Every structure is written in structure tokens, then in C-alpha cells.
Amino acid sequence: MKLRRWVALSFALGILAGCSANRPEEPQQSKKADVPPVYFKVDPTTAGKLKGDIQFAGKKPSRRPIDMSGDPACAEAHHGQAYDESVVVNPNGTLANVFIYIKSGLEGKTFETPANPVTIDQQGCWFRPRMMGIQVGQTFHVTNSDPVTHNIHPLAQVNREWNHSQGAGDPQLTRKFIKPEVMVPVKCNIHSWMHAFIGVVAHPYFAVTGADGKFEMPNVPPGDYVVAAWHEKFGTMEQRITLAPSGTSEVNFKFKESN
């Protein structure tokens, strides 16, 4: 009798174990929702401004012709002759296409990503603009306004490297850079003379000089900063500055061939 009871009990336990093994797992408690970032808000009553210009010292370099004869459509866009744009000295002796940004002094502050996209266009068989800045996470658009196929190839080291062909009339490409990186060189694998440079920073305090060689960064919180200026041929220069509350700081750089 005892043996029968023991067998029956073992059988019942086996059935219960089997049922337990086949029972679907209880859903785990959902992970805590990601805490949204706390964005730094600049106090408009104390915000200041950084401004200045980029001078070029020395003899203005001669314009170097670019041979685009391998692609008739590119040559036609420049009426048969194009010139290298790696060093553009303005009539007032300043440099165009210099990227200026706050290199340090904003640590611990998180800035909201702008909603507006930044666009680079392939126009006249050049990248336009040649020098540009973008904030981490900001939408990056690539368009092709030319009647020929191009290939955009950002040679990123910190971000992901990628390249993509884009024919005439193709829809725009959309990408993002998720980490700071100064600078990201860009080339076209089809047209070897096409180059651009992208400064990816984690804040909105950057600028690129144009035809007057000047730059301006408004709405900067007061503090001690290192401001850097980067040029594709002459390298990087830096200055330490202190911006007083509601103040304006002049930050001027002078590049020369030996930089």
C-alpha cells in the first residue's frame, strides 16, 4: 500500500513539474523609462558674444587650376576652367573657409539638438559648402544639383564611415553624426577634386568664415573658454578667453603658410 502511494505521489509530482516547465514565463517588469536629458538653458540676461576675424599673413597664393576635362558636364559648369578652393584669401586679407568653435569650457552642459537640418549640395562638381558645422544628432541632408552622378564619402574616424552614390535627380540622403568629431573630411570617389570638411560638435557654438573673414557666436554663457580655429591647409590655432556676463570678447587669429 505504501509503495502504491509513493508511486502515485511521484507520478503527480512529475505531472506538476512538466506543467511548470511548459508554463510561459512571467513577463519581466518593464525597464525603467529612460530619463530624458536635462538641456542647458542660456540665461539671456547674462549671455554674451564671441566675434572676430581670421587674417592671412603673407603673399596671397596663386589660384591653382583644376582639370575637370574628364567630365565634360563638370568642365562646362565652370566654363572650361575651375580653380582649387583649399586656400581662399579674401580681398581684405582674411581667410574664408575657416571653422571656429568652442573647444573646451562647456563641459557638463547638454544642449538640445536643433530641429532644422543641415544640407550639403553637390553643385558645379563641388561640395557646397566646402566647410560646414553640424551639431551631434542634427539631421544631415545630402543633395545633388548636378546632371552627373556623384559619390559622397565622409572619412570619419570617430563616427561611422560611409559612402553613397547619388545620381542626377536622385532623392536626398539623410544621415546623422552621433559623436563629436573635428574634422570629418569628405571626398567624392568619382571626382577626385571634390572635397569638403564637416565639424561635428556637441553644442551650437561654431562658425565658418566667409567672404569677409569674420565670424560671430551669439548667446554664449559667460565663462572661461578655449576657442579653436581650423583650416584644411594651415592646421589649428587656439586662444583662451574669458567672457564676462553680457560681454563681448574679440577672438582674432592670423594664419600663415608655416602654420
C-alpha atoms as a PDB file:
ATOM      1  CA  MET A   1       0.000   0.000   0.000  1.00  0.00           C
ATOM      2  CA  LYS A   2       2.768   2.368   0.918  1.00  0.00           C
ATOM      3  CA  LEU A   3       4.509   1.535  -2.350  1.00  0.00           C
ATOM      4  CA  ARG A   4       1.361   2.401  -4.313  1.00  0.00           C
ATOM      5  CA  ARG A   5       1.025   5.735  -2.519  1.00  0.00           C
ATOM      6  CA  TRP A   6       4.698   6.558  -3.219  1.00  0.00           C
ATOM      7  CA  VAL A   7       4.305   5.749  -6.937  1.00  0.00           C
ATOM      8  CA  ALA A   8       1.138   7.829  -7.168  1.00  0.00           C
ATOM      9  CA  LEU A   9       2.793  10.748  -5.388  1.00  0.00           C
ATOM     10  CA  SER A  10       5.839  10.555  -7.691  1.00  0.00           C
ATOM     11  CA  PHE A  11       3.587  10.500 -10.747  1.00  0.00           C
ATOM     12  CA  ALA A  12       1.656  13.552  -9.543  1.00  0.00           C
ATOM     13  CA  LEU A  13       4.857  15.465  -8.837  1.00  0.00           C
ATOM     14  CA  GLY A  14       6.130  14.603 -12.297  1.00  0.00           C
ATOM     15  CA  ILE A  15       2.963  15.974 -13.893  1.00  0.00           C
ATOM     16  CA  LEU A  16       3.236  19.175 -11.863  1.00  0.00           C
ATOM     17  CA  ALA A  17       6.896  19.578 -12.849  1.00  0.00           C
ATOM     18  CA  GLY A  18       6.017  19.104 -16.504  1.00  0.00           C
ATOM     19  CA  CYS A  19       3.272  21.671 -16.327  1.00  0.00           C
ATOM     20  CA  SER A  20       5.580  24.068 -14.571  1.00  0.00           C
ATOM     21  CA  ALA A  21       8.247  23.566 -17.248  1.00  0.00           C
ATOM     22  CA  ASN A  22       5.766  24.282 -20.054  1.00  0.00           C
ATOM     23  CA  ARG A  23       4.224  27.278 -18.353  1.00  0.00           C
ATOM     24  CA  PRO A  24       5.106  30.532 -20.167  1.00  0.00           C
ATOM     25  CA  GLU A  25       7.492  32.732 -18.266  1.00  0.00           C
ATOM     26  CA  GLU A  26       6.050  35.608 -16.364  1.00  0.00           C
ATOM     27  CA  PRO A  27       6.760  38.847 -18.180  1.00  0.00           C
ATOM     28  CA  GLN A  28       9.641  40.666 -16.586  1.00  0.00           C
ATOM     29  CA  GLN A  29       8.969  44.024 -15.137  1.00  0.00           C
ATOM     30  CA  SER A  30       9.489  46.646 -17.796  1.00  0.00           C
ATOM     31  CA  LYS A  31      12.715  48.542 -17.523  1.00  0.00           C
ATOM     32  CA  LYS A  32      12.523  51.990 -16.114  1.00  0.00           C
ATOM     33  CA  ALA A  33      11.829  54.534 -18.786  1.00  0.00           C
ATOM     34  CA  ASP A  34      14.891  56.387 -19.986  1.00  0.00           C
ATOM     35  CA  VAL A  35      15.289  59.623 -18.138  1.00  0.00           C
ATOM     36  CA  PRO A  36      15.094  62.486 -20.644  1.00  0.00           C
ATOM     37  CA  PRO A  37      18.191  64.678 -20.787  1.00  0.00           C
ATOM     38  CA  VAL A  38      18.202  67.973 -18.947  1.00  0.00           C
ATOM     39  CA  TYR A  39      19.153  70.604 -21.512  1.00  0.00           C
ATOM     40  CA  PHE A  40      21.170  73.611 -20.511  1.00  0.00           C
ATOM     41  CA  LYS A  41      19.287  76.863 -20.953  1.00  0.00           C
ATOM     42  CA  VAL A  42      21.296  80.002 -21.549  1.00  0.00           C
ATOM     43  CA  ASP A  43      20.265  82.917 -19.371  1.00  0.00           C
ATOM     44  CA  PRO A  44      19.538  85.728 -21.864  1.00  0.00           C
ATOM     45  CA  THR A  45      20.285  88.360 -19.226  1.00  0.00           C
ATOM     46  CA  THR A  46      23.919  87.221 -18.878  1.00  0.00           C
ATOM     47  CA  ALA A  47      24.636  85.717 -22.309  1.00  0.00           C
ATOM     48  CA  GLY A  48      27.440  87.312 -24.276  1.00  0.00           C
ATOM     49  CA  LYS A  49      29.044  87.157 -27.702  1.00  0.00           C
ATOM     50  CA  LEU A  50      32.252  85.933 -29.311  1.00  0.00           C
ATOM     51  CA  LYS A  51      33.359  87.573 -32.526  1.00  0.00           C
ATOM     52  CA  GLY A  52      36.458  88.211 -34.581  1.00  0.00           C
ATOM     53  CA  ASP A  53      38.135  87.561 -37.882  1.00  0.00           C
ATOM     54  CA  ILE A  54      40.750  85.296 -39.431  1.00  0.00           C
ATOM     55  CA  GLN A  55      43.680  87.104 -41.010  1.00  0.00           C
ATOM     56  CA  PHE A  56      46.134  85.688 -43.531  1.00  0.00           C
ATOM     57  CA  ALA A  57      49.782  86.720 -43.263  1.00  0.00           C
ATOM     58  CA  GLY A  58      51.993  86.528 -46.295  1.00  0.00           C
ATOM     59  CA  LYS A  59      51.697  86.609 -50.039  1.00  0.00           C
ATOM     60  CA  LYS A  60      48.335  85.629 -51.403  1.00  0.00           C
ATOM     61  CA  PRO A  61      48.780  82.220 -53.076  1.00  0.00           C
ATOM     62  CA  SER A  62      48.146  81.886 -56.798  1.00  0.00           C
ATOM     63  CA  ARG A  63      44.959  80.195 -57.863  1.00  0.00           C
ATOM     64  CA  ARG A  64      45.689  76.610 -58.909  1.00  0.00           C
ATOM     65  CA  PRO A  65      43.664  75.370 -61.891  1.00  0.00           C
ATOM     66  CA  ILE A  66      41.719  72.121 -61.597  1.00  0.00           C
ATOM     67  CA  ASP A  67      41.462  69.809 -64.592  1.00  0.00           C
ATOM     68  CA  MET A  68      37.814  68.735 -64.959  1.00  0.00           C
ATOM     69  CA  SER A  69      38.124  67.718 -68.601  1.00  0.00           C
ATOM     70  CA  GLY A  70      37.458  64.095 -67.651  1.00  0.00           C
ATOM     71  CA  ASP A  71      33.812  65.020 -67.103  1.00  0.00           C
ATOM     72  CA  PRO A  72      32.524  67.455 -69.772  1.00  0.00           C
ATOM     73  CA  ALA A  73      29.483  68.400 -67.691  1.00  0.00           C
ATOM     74  CA  CYS A  74      31.749  69.480 -64.813  1.00  0.00           C
ATOM     75  CA  ALA A  75      34.010  71.456 -67.140  1.00  0.00           C
ATOM     76  CA  GLU A  76      31.009  73.156 -68.711  1.00  0.00           C
ATOM     77  CA  ALA A  77      29.744  74.211 -65.273  1.00  0.00           C
ATOM     78  CA  HIS A  78      32.914  76.291 -64.882  1.00  0.00           C
ATOM     79  CA  HIS A  79      33.045  77.487 -68.485  1.00  0.00           C
ATOM     80  CA  GLY A  80      36.046  75.288 -69.092  1.00  0.00           C
ATOM     81  CA  GLN A  81      38.209  76.256 -66.101  1.00  0.00           C
ATOM     82  CA  ALA A  82      37.879  75.678 -62.355  1.00  0.00           C
ATOM     83  CA  TYR A  83      40.276  76.605 -59.567  1.00  0.00           C
ATOM     84  CA  ASP A  84      41.297  74.931 -56.327  1.00  0.00           C
ATOM     85  CA  GLU A  85      39.480  76.303 -53.245  1.00  0.00           C
ATOM     86  CA  SER A  86      41.633  74.892 -50.444  1.00  0.00           C
ATOM     87  CA  VAL A  87      43.051  78.368 -49.689  1.00  0.00           C
ATOM     88  CA  VAL A  88      40.711  81.290 -50.321  1.00  0.00           C
ATOM     89  CA  VAL A  89      42.166  84.658 -49.337  1.00  0.00           C
ATOM     90  CA  ASN A  90      39.573  87.424 -49.409  1.00  0.00           C
ATOM     91  CA  PRO A  91      40.253  90.860 -50.918  1.00  0.00           C
ATOM     92  CA  ASN A  92      40.560  92.292 -47.381  1.00  0.00           C
ATOM     93  CA  GLY A  93      43.354  89.854 -46.479  1.00  0.00           C
ATOM     94  CA  THR A  94      41.228  87.474 -44.437  1.00  0.00           C
ATOM     95  CA  LEU A  95      40.700  83.746 -44.897  1.00  0.00           C
ATOM     96  CA  ALA A  96      37.462  82.104 -45.939  1.00  0.00           C
ATOM     97  CA  ASN A  97      36.503  78.523 -45.051  1.00  0.00           C
ATOM     98  CA  VAL A  98      37.922  78.520 -41.529  1.00  0.00           C
ATOM     99  CA  PHE A  99      35.977  76.530 -38.928  1.00  0.00           C
ATOM    100  CA  ILE A 100      35.852  78.206 -35.495  1.00  0.00           C
ATOM    101  CA  TYR A 101      34.370  76.553 -32.425  1.00  0.00           C
ATOM    102  CA  ILE A 102      34.485  76.461 -28.642  1.00  0.00           C
ATOM    103  CA  LYS A 103      36.837  73.567 -27.927  1.00  0.00           C
ATOM    104  CA  SER A 104      36.534  73.496 -24.145  1.00  0.00           C
ATOM    105  CA  GLY A 105      34.702  75.272 -21.353  1.00  0.00           C
ATOM    106  CA  LEU A 106      31.221  73.844 -21.902  1.00  0.00           C
ATOM    107  CA  GLU A 107      31.797  70.517 -20.164  1.00  0.00           C
ATOM    108  CA  GLY A 108      28.836  69.314 -18.114  1.00  0.00           C
ATOM    109  CA  LYS A 109      26.320  71.188 -20.246  1.00  0.00           C
ATOM    110  CA  THR A 110      23.957  69.331 -22.591  1.00  0.00           C
ATOM    111  CA  PHE A 111      22.465  71.314 -25.463  1.00  0.00           C
ATOM    112  CA  GLU A 112      19.268  70.485 -27.286  1.00  0.00           C
ATOM    113  CA  THR A 113      19.701  69.239 -30.851  1.00  0.00           C
ATOM    114  CA  PRO A 114      18.419  71.729 -33.438  1.00  0.00           C
ATOM    115  CA  ALA A 115      15.326  70.630 -35.333  1.00  0.00           C
ATOM    116  CA  ASN A 116      16.418  72.217 -38.605  1.00  0.00           C
ATOM    117  CA  PRO A 117      18.588  70.052 -40.894  1.00  0.00           C
ATOM    118  CA  VAL A 118      21.981  70.938 -42.352  1.00  0.00           C
ATOM    119  CA  THR A 119      22.434  70.357 -46.078  1.00  0.00           C
ATOM    120  CA  ILE A 120      25.450  69.777 -48.290  1.00  0.00           C
ATOM    121  CA  ASP A 121      24.857  70.018 -52.029  1.00  0.00           C
ATOM    122  CA  GLN A 122      26.875  68.714 -54.969  1.00  0.00           C
ATOM    123  CA  GLN A 123      26.774  71.634 -57.341  1.00  0.00           C
ATOM    124  CA  GLY A 124      29.086  72.526 -60.197  1.00  0.00           C
ATOM    125  CA  CYS A 125      31.056  69.389 -59.325  1.00  0.00           C
ATOM    126  CA  TRP A 126      31.962  70.883 -55.935  1.00  0.00           C
ATOM    127  CA  PHE A 127      30.611  70.215 -52.473  1.00  0.00           C
ATOM    128  CA  ARG A 128      28.686  73.284 -51.288  1.00  0.00           C
ATOM    129  CA  PRO A 129      29.540  74.417 -48.730  1.00  0.00           C
ATOM    130  CA  ARG A 130      33.130  73.258 -48.623  1.00  0.00           C
ATOM    131  CA  MET A 131      33.401  73.925 -44.879  1.00  0.00           C
ATOM    132  CA  MET A 132      30.474  73.385 -42.543  1.00  0.00           C
ATOM    133  CA  GLY A 133      29.488  72.683 -38.958  1.00  0.00           C
ATOM    134  CA  ILE A 134      26.772  70.493 -37.500  1.00  0.00           C
ATOM    135  CA  GLN A 135      25.631  69.567 -34.020  1.00  0.00           C
ATOM    136  CA  VAL A 136      25.707  65.987 -32.772  1.00  0.00           C
ATOM    137  CA  GLY A 137      22.440  64.276 -33.684  1.00  0.00           C
ATOM    138  CA  GLN A 138      21.324  67.020 -36.064  1.00  0.00           C
ATOM    139  CA  THR A 139      19.813  65.838 -39.356  1.00  0.00           C
ATOM    140  CA  PHE A 140      22.283  65.906 -42.240  1.00  0.00           C
ATOM    141  CA  HIS A 141      20.935  66.067 -45.800  1.00  0.00           C
ATOM    142  CA  VAL A 142      22.902  65.382 -48.998  1.00  0.00           C
ATOM    143  CA  THR A 143      21.562  66.632 -52.335  1.00  0.00           C
ATOM    144  CA  ASN A 144      22.837  66.526 -55.911  1.00  0.00           C
ATOM    145  CA  SER A 145      22.029  69.512 -58.122  1.00  0.00           C
ATOM    146  CA  ASP A 146      24.309  68.378 -60.948  1.00  0.00           C
ATOM    147  CA  PRO A 147      23.360  66.476 -64.120  1.00  0.00           C
ATOM    148  CA  VAL A 148      26.020  63.855 -63.286  1.00  0.00           C
ATOM    149  CA  THR A 149      26.444  61.129 -60.689  1.00  0.00           C
ATOM    150  CA  HIS A 150      28.491  61.900 -57.588  1.00  0.00           C
ATOM    151  CA  ASN A 151      29.629  59.876 -54.606  1.00  0.00           C
ATOM    152  CA  ILE A 152      29.790  61.336 -51.110  1.00  0.00           C
ATOM    153  CA  HIS A 153      32.285  59.637 -48.828  1.00  0.00           C
ATOM    154  CA  PRO A 154      32.789  61.081 -45.306  1.00  0.00           C
ATOM    155  CA  LEU A 155      36.072  59.668 -43.979  1.00  0.00           C
ATOM    156  CA  ALA A 156      35.010  59.688 -40.338  1.00  0.00           C
ATOM    157  CA  GLN A 157      37.287  58.263 -37.658  1.00  0.00           C
ATOM    158  CA  VAL A 158      35.088  58.664 -34.569  1.00  0.00           C
ATOM    159  CA  ASN A 159      31.721  58.411 -36.285  1.00  0.00           C
ATOM    160  CA  ARG A 160      30.819  55.704 -38.788  1.00  0.00           C
ATOM    161  CA  GLU A 161      32.487  55.977 -42.188  1.00  0.00           C
ATOM    162  CA  TRP A 162      30.103  55.635 -45.119  1.00  0.00           C
ATOM    163  CA  ASN A 163      29.872  56.375 -48.827  1.00  0.00           C
ATOM    164  CA  HIS A 164      26.937  56.594 -51.175  1.00  0.00           C
ATOM    165  CA  SER A 165      26.497  57.301 -54.872  1.00  0.00           C
ATOM    166  CA  GLN A 166      23.854  59.827 -55.834  1.00  0.00           C
ATOM    167  CA  GLY A 167      22.759  60.271 -59.433  1.00  0.00           C
ATOM    168  CA  ALA A 168      21.144  63.254 -61.084  1.00  0.00           C
ATOM    169  CA  GLY A 169      17.595  63.626 -59.782  1.00  0.00           C
ATOM    170  CA  ASP A 170      18.027  61.069 -57.003  1.00  0.00           C
ATOM    171  CA  PRO A 171      16.280  61.830 -53.707  1.00  0.00           C
ATOM    172  CA  GLN A 172      18.284  63.437 -50.936  1.00  0.00           C
ATOM    173  CA  LEU A 173      20.218  61.294 -48.497  1.00  0.00           C
ATOM    174  CA  THR A 174      19.654  61.655 -44.777  1.00  0.00           C
ATOM    175  CA  ARG A 175      22.262  60.820 -42.164  1.00  0.00           C
ATOM    176  CA  LYS A 176      23.363  61.832 -38.640  1.00  0.00           C
ATOM    177  CA  PHE A 177      26.654  62.109 -36.805  1.00  0.00           C
ATOM    178  CA  ILE A 178      26.293  60.765 -33.281  1.00  0.00           C
ATOM    179  CA  LYS A 179      29.644  61.791 -31.762  1.00  0.00           C
ATOM    180  CA  PRO A 180      31.739  64.964 -31.773  1.00  0.00           C
ATOM    181  CA  GLU A 181      34.488  64.937 -34.407  1.00  0.00           C
ATOM    182  CA  VAL A 182      36.576  67.841 -35.684  1.00  0.00           C
ATOM    183  CA  MET A 183      37.044  67.484 -38.576  1.00  0.00           C
ATOM    184  CA  VAL A 184      35.415  64.902 -40.872  1.00  0.00           C
ATOM    185  CA  PRO A 185      36.974  65.035 -44.373  1.00  0.00           C
ATOM    186  CA  VAL A 186      34.608  64.330 -47.258  1.00  0.00           C
ATOM    187  CA  LYS A 187      35.528  63.251 -50.769  1.00  0.00           C
ATOM    188  CA  CYS A 188      33.848  62.123 -53.967  1.00  0.00           C
ATOM    189  CA  ASN A 189      35.130  58.780 -55.218  1.00  0.00           C
ATOM    190  CA  ILE A 190      34.182  59.740 -58.785  1.00  0.00           C
ATOM    191  CA  HIS A 191      35.616  63.265 -58.991  1.00  0.00           C
ATOM    192  CA  SER A 192      38.959  63.403 -57.167  1.00  0.00           C
ATOM    193  CA  TRP A 193      38.987  67.216 -56.840  1.00  0.00           C
ATOM    194  CA  MET A 194      35.791  67.339 -54.780  1.00  0.00           C
ATOM    195  CA  HIS A 195      36.466  67.852 -51.062  1.00  0.00           C
ATOM    196  CA  ALA A 196      34.578  69.149 -48.042  1.00  0.00           C
ATOM    197  CA  PHE A 197      35.059  69.215 -44.278  1.00  0.00           C
ATOM    198  CA  ILE A 198      32.476  68.840 -41.518  1.00  0.00           C
ATOM    199  CA  GLY A 199      32.964  69.928 -37.905  1.00  0.00           C
ATOM    200  CA  VAL A 200      30.718  67.887 -35.596  1.00  0.00           C
ATOM    201  CA  VAL A 201      30.328  69.434 -32.137  1.00  0.00           C
ATOM    202  CA  ALA A 202      28.092  68.816 -29.138  1.00  0.00           C
ATOM    203  CA  HIS A 203      26.919  72.431 -28.821  1.00  0.00           C
ATOM    204  CA  PRO A 204      25.756  75.312 -31.044  1.00  0.00           C
ATOM    205  CA  TYR A 205      28.903  77.459 -30.707  1.00  0.00           C
ATOM    206  CA  PHE A 206      30.661  77.194 -34.042  1.00  0.00           C
ATOM    207  CA  ALA A 207      31.008  79.280 -37.186  1.00  0.00           C
ATOM    208  CA  VAL A 208      32.621  79.298 -40.626  1.00  0.00           C
ATOM    209  CA  THR A 209      34.266  82.368 -42.143  1.00  0.00           C
ATOM    210  CA  GLY A 210      33.047  83.640 -45.480  1.00  0.00           C
ATOM    211  CA  ALA A 211      33.925  86.383 -47.943  1.00  0.00           C
ATOM    212  CA  ASP A 212      34.692  88.902 -45.175  1.00  0.00           C
ATOM    213  CA  GLY A 213      36.713  86.518 -42.979  1.00  0.00           C
ATOM    214  CA  LYS A 214      34.602  87.354 -39.939  1.00  0.00           C
ATOM    215  CA  PHE A 215      32.686  85.172 -37.505  1.00  0.00           C
ATOM    216  CA  GLU A 216      30.258  85.680 -34.649  1.00  0.00           C
ATOM    217  CA  MET A 217      28.813  83.413 -31.970  1.00  0.00           C
ATOM    218  CA  PRO A 218      25.877  84.931 -30.080  1.00  0.00           C
ATOM    219  CA  ASN A 219      24.091  83.769 -26.936  1.00  0.00           C
ATOM    220  CA  VAL A 220      27.214  82.345 -25.261  1.00  0.00           C
ATOM    221  CA  PRO A 221      27.050  81.785 -21.493  1.00  0.00           C
ATOM    222  CA  PRO A 222      29.759  83.641 -19.545  1.00  0.00           C
ATOM    223  CA  GLY A 223      32.816  81.587 -18.691  1.00  0.00           C
ATOM    224  CA  ASP A 224      36.391  80.627 -19.490  1.00  0.00           C
ATOM    225  CA  TYR A 225      36.864  79.006 -22.879  1.00  0.00           C
ATOM    226  CA  VAL A 226      39.359  77.676 -25.361  1.00  0.00           C
ATOM    227  CA  VAL A 227      38.349  78.804 -28.855  1.00  0.00           C
ATOM    228  CA  ALA A 228      39.892  76.936 -31.786  1.00  0.00           C
ATOM    229  CA  ALA A 229      40.157  77.831 -35.476  1.00  0.00           C
ATOM    230  CA  TRP A 230      40.778  75.048 -38.018  1.00  0.00           C
ATOM    231  CA  HIS A 231      41.910  75.382 -41.634  1.00  0.00           C
ATOM    232  CA  GLU A 232      42.388  72.470 -44.008  1.00  0.00           C
ATOM    233  CA  LYS A 233      45.883  73.563 -45.079  1.00  0.00           C
ATOM    234  CA  PHE A 234      47.177  75.566 -42.116  1.00  0.00           C
ATOM    235  CA  GLY A 235      46.003  73.427 -39.205  1.00  0.00           C
ATOM    236  CA  THR A 236      44.644  74.606 -35.852  1.00  0.00           C
ATOM    237  CA  MET A 237      45.165  77.684 -33.693  1.00  0.00           C
ATOM    238  CA  GLU A 238      43.724  78.195 -30.204  1.00  0.00           C
ATOM    239  CA  GLN A 239      43.068  81.044 -27.782  1.00  0.00           C
ATOM    240  CA  ARG A 240      42.000  81.116 -24.159  1.00  0.00           C
ATOM    241  CA  ILE A 241      39.393  83.752 -23.446  1.00  0.00           C
ATOM    242  CA  THR A 242      37.141  84.862 -20.616  1.00  0.00           C
ATOM    243  CA  LEU A 243      33.652  86.006 -21.494  1.00  0.00           C
ATOM    244  CA  ALA A 244      32.129  88.293 -18.878  1.00  0.00           C
ATOM    245  CA  PRO A 245      28.377  88.311 -18.203  1.00  0.00           C
ATOM    246  CA  SER A 246      26.632  90.165 -21.055  1.00  0.00           C
ATOM    247  CA  GLY A 247      30.069  90.865 -22.515  1.00  0.00           C
ATOM    248  CA  THR A 248      31.663  90.643 -25.953  1.00  0.00           C
ATOM    249  CA  SER A 249      35.049  89.023 -26.493  1.00  0.00           C
ATOM    250  CA  GLU A 250      37.167  89.625 -29.579  1.00  0.00           C
ATOM    251  CA  VAL A 251      38.904  86.479 -30.800  1.00  0.00           C
ATOM    252  CA  ASN A 252      41.216  87.038 -33.763  1.00  0.00           C
ATOM    253  CA  PHE A 253      43.529  84.562 -35.463  1.00  0.00           C
ATOM    254  CA  LYS A 254      46.281  85.008 -38.039  1.00  0.00           C
ATOM    255  CA  PHE A 255      47.283  82.087 -40.249  1.00  0.00           C
ATOM    256  CA  LYS A 256      50.351  81.903 -42.434  1.00  0.00           C
ATOM    257  CA  GLU A 257      51.944  79.356 -44.730  1.00  0.00           C
ATOM    258  CA  SER A 258      54.109  77.886 -41.970  1.00  0.00           C
ATOM    259  CA  ASN A 259      51.219  77.112 -39.598  1.00  0.00           C
END
